[in-house]
Amino acid sequence: ELLYPGSVTTVDCATVSAKFAADVQPIISTRCAISGCHDISASGGVILQTHSQISARKDRVYTRAVLEKSMPASGALPPAEIAKLTCWIDSAAPNN
């Protein structure tokens, strides 16, 4: 069940920059792959530092950060960052 039903909005990916290196990795690095969360010392075992680690978990990232807005633990991402994640994942999570 969604934490905030009806909060998923349509994103026009033609207008959103969603490159892994420039857009997605900085979000993950500053919001997710931090001490005590998804860095090398990840308590839950989910490390999100490289493209392969992140793309392998893209469905879970989408569910938790975009749909449920239950991650990051510090609070939901801003709409612009949610749009970048959404468009990157929708484009098959390329390493670009």
N, C-alpha and C. Protein backbone atom coordinates (compact mmCIF):
# COMPACT_ATOMS: atom_id res chain seq x y z
N GLU A 1 0.85 -1.18 0.00
CA GLU A 1 0.00 0.00 0.00
C GLU A 1 0.89 1.24 0.00
N LEU A 2 0.48 2.22 -0.73
CA LEU A 2 1.26 3.45 -0.83
C LEU A 2 1.09 4.30 0.42
N LEU A 3 2.18 4.91 0.83
CA LEU A 3 2.17 5.78 1.99
C LEU A 3 1.31 7.01 1.71
N TYR A 4 1.41 7.52 0.49
CA TYR A 4 0.65 8.70 0.09
C TYR A 4 -0.12 8.38 -1.19
N PRO A 5 -1.26 7.71 -1.10
CA PRO A 5 -2.01 7.35 -2.31
C PRO A 5 -2.34 8.59 -3.14
N GLY A 6 -2.24 8.45 -4.43
CA GLY A 6 -2.56 9.56 -5.31
C GLY A 6 -1.45 10.58 -5.46
N SER A 7 -0.29 10.32 -4.82
CA SER A 7 0.78 11.31 -4.87
C SER A 7 1.72 11.10 -6.06
N VAL A 8 1.51 10.03 -6.82
CA VAL A 8 2.35 9.78 -7.98
C VAL A 8 1.86 10.65 -9.12
N THR A 9 2.74 11.50 -9.63
CA THR A 9 2.36 12.38 -10.72
C THR A 9 3.06 11.95 -11.99
N THR A 10 2.48 12.29 -13.11
CA THR A 10 3.07 11.96 -14.40
C THR A 10 4.24 12.90 -14.65
N VAL A 11 5.33 12.33 -15.11
CA VAL A 11 6.54 13.09 -15.39
C VAL A 11 6.77 13.08 -16.90
N ASP A 12 7.04 14.25 -17.47
CA ASP A 12 7.37 14.34 -18.89
C ASP A 12 8.88 14.18 -19.04
N CYS A 13 9.29 12.97 -19.32
CA CYS A 13 10.73 12.67 -19.37
C CYS A 13 11.45 13.37 -20.53
N ALA A 14 10.70 13.90 -21.47
CA ALA A 14 11.33 14.66 -22.56
C ALA A 14 11.93 15.97 -22.04
N THR A 15 11.46 16.41 -20.88
CA THR A 15 11.95 17.67 -20.33
C THR A 15 12.84 17.49 -19.10
N VAL A 16 13.14 16.23 -18.75
CA VAL A 16 13.92 15.95 -17.54
C VAL A 16 15.28 15.36 -17.91
N SER A 17 16.34 15.95 -17.38
CA SER A 17 17.66 15.37 -17.57
C SER A 17 17.80 14.20 -16.61
N ALA A 18 18.07 13.03 -17.16
CA ALA A 18 18.14 11.83 -16.34
C ALA A 18 19.33 10.96 -16.73
N LYS A 19 20.50 11.56 -16.74
CA LYS A 19 21.73 10.82 -17.03
C LYS A 19 22.27 10.26 -15.71
N PHE A 20 22.83 9.07 -15.76
CA PHE A 20 23.30 8.45 -14.53
C PHE A 20 24.38 9.29 -13.85
N ALA A 21 25.47 9.58 -14.56
CA ALA A 21 26.61 10.27 -13.93
C ALA A 21 26.27 11.68 -13.48
N ALA A 22 25.51 12.41 -14.28
CA ALA A 22 25.24 13.82 -13.98
C ALA A 22 24.05 14.03 -13.06
N ASP A 23 23.07 13.16 -13.12
CA ASP A 23 21.81 13.41 -12.42
C ASP A 23 21.48 12.39 -11.32
N VAL A 24 21.59 11.12 -11.64
CA VAL A 24 21.15 10.08 -10.71
C VAL A 24 22.20 9.79 -9.64
N GLN A 25 23.44 9.57 -10.05
CA GLN A 25 24.47 9.23 -9.07
C GLN A 25 24.62 10.30 -7.98
N PRO A 26 24.58 11.61 -8.32
CA PRO A 26 24.66 12.61 -7.25
C PRO A 26 23.51 12.51 -6.23
N ILE A 27 22.31 12.18 -6.69
CA ILE A 27 21.18 12.02 -5.77
C ILE A 27 21.45 10.84 -4.84
N ILE A 28 21.82 9.72 -5.42
CA ILE A 28 22.07 8.51 -4.62
C ILE A 28 23.24 8.74 -3.66
N SER A 29 24.30 9.39 -4.15
CA SER A 29 25.48 9.61 -3.32
C SER A 29 25.21 10.50 -2.11
N THR A 30 24.39 11.54 -2.30
CA THR A 30 24.16 12.48 -1.22
C THR A 30 22.96 12.13 -0.34
N ARG A 31 22.05 11.32 -0.86
CA ARG A 31 20.83 11.04 -0.10
C ARG A 31 20.71 9.59 0.37
N CYS A 32 21.39 8.67 -0.33
CA CYS A 32 21.20 7.25 -0.05
C CYS A 32 22.48 6.55 0.42
N ALA A 33 23.56 6.74 -0.34
CA ALA A 33 24.83 6.07 -0.04
C ALA A 33 25.62 6.87 0.99
N ILE A 34 24.99 7.11 2.13
CA ILE A 34 25.62 7.88 3.20
C ILE A 34 25.84 6.96 4.40
N SER A 35 26.68 7.39 5.31
CA SER A 35 27.03 6.59 6.48
C SER A 35 25.78 6.12 7.23
N GLY A 36 25.73 4.84 7.49
CA GLY A 36 24.60 4.27 8.22
C GLY A 36 23.44 3.86 7.33
N CYS A 37 23.52 4.18 6.06
CA CYS A 37 22.43 3.83 5.14
C CYS A 37 22.93 2.88 4.06
N HIS A 38 23.17 3.38 2.84
CA HIS A 38 23.53 2.49 1.74
C HIS A 38 24.95 2.69 1.23
N ASP A 39 25.88 3.01 2.17
CA ASP A 39 27.29 3.08 1.79
C ASP A 39 27.91 1.70 2.02
N ILE A 40 29.22 1.63 2.02
CA ILE A 40 29.93 0.36 2.14
C ILE A 40 29.61 -0.36 3.46
N SER A 41 29.18 0.39 4.46
CA SER A 41 28.86 -0.22 5.76
C SER A 41 27.36 -0.45 5.93
N ALA A 42 26.66 -0.57 4.83
CA ALA A 42 25.19 -0.69 4.84
C ALA A 42 24.72 -1.75 5.84
N SER A 43 23.97 -1.31 6.82
CA SER A 43 23.49 -2.23 7.86
C SER A 43 22.53 -3.27 7.30
N GLY A 44 21.75 -2.90 6.30
CA GLY A 44 20.82 -3.85 5.69
C GLY A 44 21.43 -4.64 4.56
N GLY A 45 22.68 -4.36 4.25
CA GLY A 45 23.38 -5.08 3.20
C GLY A 45 23.15 -4.54 1.81
N VAL A 46 22.36 -3.51 1.64
CA VAL A 46 22.10 -2.93 0.32
C VAL A 46 23.03 -1.75 0.12
N ILE A 47 24.03 -1.95 -0.72
CA ILE A 47 25.00 -0.90 -1.02
C ILE A 47 24.63 -0.27 -2.36
N LEU A 48 24.53 1.06 -2.38
CA LEU A 48 24.16 1.78 -3.60
C LEU A 48 25.26 2.80 -3.91
N GLN A 49 26.36 2.32 -4.48
CA GLN A 49 27.46 3.21 -4.79
C GLN A 49 27.87 3.20 -6.26
N THR A 50 27.73 2.07 -6.93
CA THR A 50 28.13 1.98 -8.33
C THR A 50 26.90 1.84 -9.22
N HIS A 51 27.10 2.05 -10.51
CA HIS A 51 25.98 1.90 -11.44
C HIS A 51 25.40 0.50 -11.35
N SER A 52 26.26 -0.53 -11.32
CA SER A 52 25.73 -1.89 -11.29
C SER A 52 24.93 -2.17 -10.02
N GLN A 53 25.38 -1.64 -8.88
CA GLN A 53 24.65 -1.83 -7.63
C GLN A 53 23.30 -1.11 -7.67
N ILE A 54 23.31 0.10 -8.19
CA ILE A 54 22.09 0.91 -8.23
C ILE A 54 21.10 0.36 -9.26
N SER A 55 21.60 0.04 -10.44
CA SER A 55 20.68 -0.46 -11.48
C SER A 55 20.11 -1.82 -11.10
N ALA A 56 20.86 -2.63 -10.37
CA ALA A 56 20.36 -3.93 -9.93
C ALA A 56 19.20 -3.77 -8.94
N ARG A 57 19.16 -2.64 -8.25
CA ARG A 57 18.11 -2.37 -7.25
C ARG A 57 17.12 -1.31 -7.72
N LYS A 58 17.12 -1.02 -9.02
CA LYS A 58 16.31 0.09 -9.53
C LYS A 58 14.83 -0.07 -9.21
N ASP A 59 14.30 -1.30 -9.25
CA ASP A 59 12.88 -1.49 -8.96
C ASP A 59 12.58 -1.16 -7.49
N ARG A 60 13.48 -1.54 -6.62
CA ARG A 60 13.30 -1.25 -5.19
C ARG A 60 13.47 0.25 -4.93
N VAL A 61 14.44 0.87 -5.59
CA VAL A 61 14.63 2.31 -5.47
C VAL A 61 13.35 3.02 -5.91
N TYR A 62 12.80 2.57 -7.03
CA TYR A 62 11.57 3.18 -7.54
C TYR A 62 10.43 3.04 -6.53
N THR A 63 10.25 1.85 -6.02
CA THR A 63 9.17 1.61 -5.05
C THR A 63 9.34 2.47 -3.81
N ARG A 64 10.54 2.45 -3.22
CA ARG A 64 10.73 3.12 -1.94
C ARG A 64 10.84 4.64 -2.07
N ALA A 65 11.56 5.14 -3.09
CA ALA A 65 11.80 6.59 -3.21
C ALA A 65 10.75 7.32 -4.02
N VAL A 66 10.19 6.66 -5.03
CA VAL A 66 9.24 7.33 -5.92
C VAL A 66 7.79 7.05 -5.52
N LEU A 67 7.43 5.80 -5.37
CA LEU A 67 6.04 5.45 -5.08
C LEU A 67 5.68 5.65 -3.62
N GLU A 68 6.40 4.96 -2.73
CA GLU A 68 6.07 5.02 -1.31
C GLU A 68 6.57 6.29 -0.63
N LYS A 69 7.65 6.86 -1.18
CA LYS A 69 8.32 8.01 -0.57
C LYS A 69 8.76 7.71 0.86
N SER A 70 9.14 6.45 1.10
CA SER A 70 9.59 6.02 2.42
C SER A 70 11.11 6.04 2.54
N MET A 71 11.78 6.35 1.46
CA MET A 71 13.23 6.51 1.45
C MET A 71 13.53 7.78 0.68
N PRO A 72 14.58 8.49 1.04
CA PRO A 72 15.48 8.20 2.15
C PRO A 72 14.80 8.39 3.50
N ALA A 73 15.45 7.82 4.52
CA ALA A 73 14.89 7.87 5.88
C ALA A 73 14.74 9.29 6.39
N SER A 74 15.53 10.21 5.86
CA SER A 74 15.48 11.62 6.29
C SER A 74 14.26 12.36 5.77
N GLY A 75 13.55 11.74 4.84
CA GLY A 75 12.35 12.37 4.28
C GLY A 75 12.31 12.21 2.77
N ALA A 76 11.14 12.36 2.21
CA ALA A 76 10.94 12.17 0.77
C ALA A 76 11.83 13.11 -0.03
N LEU A 77 12.23 12.65 -1.19
CA LEU A 77 13.03 13.46 -2.10
C LEU A 77 12.17 14.59 -2.68
N PRO A 78 12.82 15.69 -3.07
CA PRO A 78 12.08 16.75 -3.75
C PRO A 78 11.55 16.25 -5.09
N PRO A 79 10.46 16.83 -5.59
CA PRO A 79 9.87 16.39 -6.86
C PRO A 79 10.85 16.35 -8.03
N ALA A 80 11.77 17.29 -8.11
CA ALA A 80 12.73 17.30 -9.23
C ALA A 80 13.64 16.07 -9.19
N GLU A 81 14.03 15.65 -8.01
CA GLU A 81 14.89 14.46 -7.89
C GLU A 81 14.08 13.19 -8.15
N ILE A 82 12.85 13.17 -7.71
CA ILE A 82 11.97 12.03 -8.00
C ILE A 82 11.78 11.90 -9.51
N ALA A 83 11.62 13.02 -10.20
CA ALA A 83 11.47 13.00 -11.66
C ALA A 83 12.71 12.42 -12.33
N LYS A 84 13.89 12.81 -11.88
CA LYS A 84 15.14 12.29 -12.47
C LYS A 84 15.24 10.78 -12.28
N LEU A 85 14.96 10.31 -11.07
CA LEU A 85 15.00 8.86 -10.82
C LEU A 85 13.98 8.14 -11.69
N THR A 86 12.78 8.67 -11.76
CA THR A 86 11.71 8.06 -12.55
C THR A 86 12.11 7.94 -14.01
N CYS A 87 12.61 9.01 -14.58
CA CYS A 87 12.95 9.00 -16.01
C CYS A 87 14.15 8.10 -16.30
N TRP A 88 15.12 8.09 -15.40
CA TRP A 88 16.28 7.21 -15.57
C TRP A 88 15.86 5.75 -15.53
N ILE A 89 15.05 5.39 -14.57
CA ILE A 89 14.57 4.02 -14.44
C ILE A 89 13.68 3.65 -15.63
N ASP A 90 12.81 4.57 -16.04
CA ASP A 90 11.93 4.31 -17.18
C ASP A 90 12.69 4.10 -18.49
N SER A 91 13.91 4.67 -18.56
CA SER A 91 14.72 4.51 -19.77
C SER A 91 15.66 3.31 -19.66
N ALA A 92 15.36 2.39 -18.76
CA ALA A 92 16.10 1.14 -18.57
C ALA A 92 17.41 1.32 -17.80
N ALA A 93 17.51 2.38 -17.00
CA ALA A 93 18.63 2.63 -16.10
C ALA A 93 20.00 2.54 -16.78
N PRO A 94 20.20 3.32 -17.85
CA PRO A 94 21.47 3.23 -18.58
C PRO A 94 22.65 3.79 -17.78
N ASN A 95 23.83 3.31 -18.11
CA ASN A 95 25.06 3.82 -17.49
C ASN A 95 25.58 4.94 -18.40
N ASN A 96 24.97 6.10 -18.29
CA ASN A 96 25.31 7.22 -19.17
C ASN A 96 25.72 8.44 -18.38
